[in-house]
Amino acid sequence: MPESKPRKRAARPTEAATAQQYKPNPIWYKPVMFGLMIIGLLWIITFYITSGQLPVPAWASWNIVAGFGIAIIGFLMTTRWRS
């Protein structure tokens, strides 16, 4: 009785091949990411400590939105952070 030929399996990509797709971030990425988070926090703290006189008096309570916006950009950068 004739034997059937064994099927060839498709080559699976190795872990080394998939790891090459992700390159680490540039050297400036981490300091900018943490810097934006800290600047946003300091913006909000400055607004509260000075009773709205600083950082931009004309913006009034929008200074809080500006501070959170700066910090959120830093936090969003953490989703793209690769070592």
Protein backbone atom coordinates (compact mmCIF):
# COMPACT_ATOMS: atom_id res chain seq x y z
CA MET A 1 0.00 0.00 0.00
CA PRO A 2 1.49 3.41 -0.94
CA GLU A 3 2.22 5.91 1.83
CA SER A 4 1.02 9.48 1.62
CA LYS A 5 3.57 12.25 1.51
CA PRO A 6 3.93 14.25 4.72
CA ARG A 7 2.69 17.83 4.54
CA LYS A 8 5.21 20.60 4.93
CA ARG A 9 4.43 23.05 7.68
CA ALA A 10 4.69 26.75 7.01
CA ALA A 11 7.66 28.27 8.76
CA ARG A 12 6.62 30.21 11.84
CA PRO A 13 8.31 33.52 12.51
CA THR A 14 10.70 33.21 15.40
CA GLU A 15 10.73 35.53 18.38
CA ALA A 16 13.94 37.11 17.13
CA ALA A 17 12.24 38.09 13.89
CA THR A 18 9.33 39.75 15.68
CA ALA A 19 11.64 41.51 18.13
CA GLN A 20 13.46 43.18 15.26
CA GLN A 21 10.28 44.99 14.25
CA TYR A 22 10.31 47.08 17.43
CA LYS A 23 13.23 49.43 17.69
CA PRO A 24 13.93 51.20 20.97
CA ASN A 25 12.93 54.83 21.33
CA PRO A 26 15.43 57.63 20.69
CA ILE A 27 17.48 58.81 23.65
CA TRP A 28 15.45 62.03 23.98
CA TYR A 29 12.07 60.26 24.30
CA LYS A 30 12.17 59.37 28.01
CA PRO A 31 13.33 62.81 29.27
CA VAL A 32 10.66 64.55 27.17
CA MET A 33 7.97 62.15 28.40
CA PHE A 34 8.81 62.62 32.08
CA GLY A 35 9.46 66.34 31.54
CA LEU A 36 5.97 66.92 30.16
CA MET A 37 4.38 65.09 33.09
CA ILE A 38 6.38 67.15 35.59
CA ILE A 39 5.78 70.47 33.79
CA GLY A 40 2.04 69.79 33.74
CA LEU A 41 2.04 69.03 37.45
CA LEU A 42 4.11 72.13 38.25
CA TRP A 43 1.76 74.25 36.09
CA ILE A 44 -1.25 73.15 38.16
CA ILE A 45 0.59 73.53 41.49
CA THR A 46 1.75 77.03 40.51
CA PHE A 47 -1.81 77.99 39.62
CA TYR A 48 -3.15 76.87 43.00
CA ILE A 49 -0.32 78.28 45.11
CA THR A 50 -0.52 81.74 43.51
CA SER A 51 -4.35 81.82 43.66
CA GLY A 52 -4.63 82.13 39.89
CA GLN A 53 -2.08 84.93 39.42
CA LEU A 54 0.40 82.67 37.62
CA PRO A 55 1.27 81.09 35.13
CA VAL A 56 -1.12 82.96 32.77
CA PRO A 57 -3.52 85.29 34.64
CA ALA A 58 -5.72 85.93 31.59
CA TRP A 59 -6.58 82.24 31.26
CA ALA A 60 -8.11 82.06 34.75
CA SER A 61 -9.31 78.49 35.38
CA TRP A 62 -8.20 77.34 31.93
CA ASN A 63 -4.73 77.07 33.47
CA ILE A 64 -5.91 73.80 35.01
CA VAL A 65 -6.87 72.49 31.57
CA ALA A 66 -3.51 73.59 30.18
CA GLY A 67 -1.64 71.83 33.00
CA PHE A 68 -3.62 68.62 32.61
CA GLY A 69 -3.21 68.80 28.83
CA ILE A 70 0.56 69.01 29.11
CA ALA A 71 0.65 66.14 31.62
CA ILE A 72 -1.70 63.98 29.52
CA ILE A 73 0.59 64.34 26.50
CA GLY A 74 3.40 62.96 28.67
CA PHE A 75 1.21 60.10 29.86
CA LEU A 76 0.15 59.29 26.28
CA MET A 77 3.82 59.07 25.36
CA THR A 78 4.17 56.19 27.84
CA THR A 79 2.03 54.02 25.55
CA ARG A 80 4.74 54.26 22.85
CA TRP A 81 7.69 53.78 25.22
CA ARG A 82 9.90 50.82 24.30
CA SER A 83 13.16 49.85 25.98
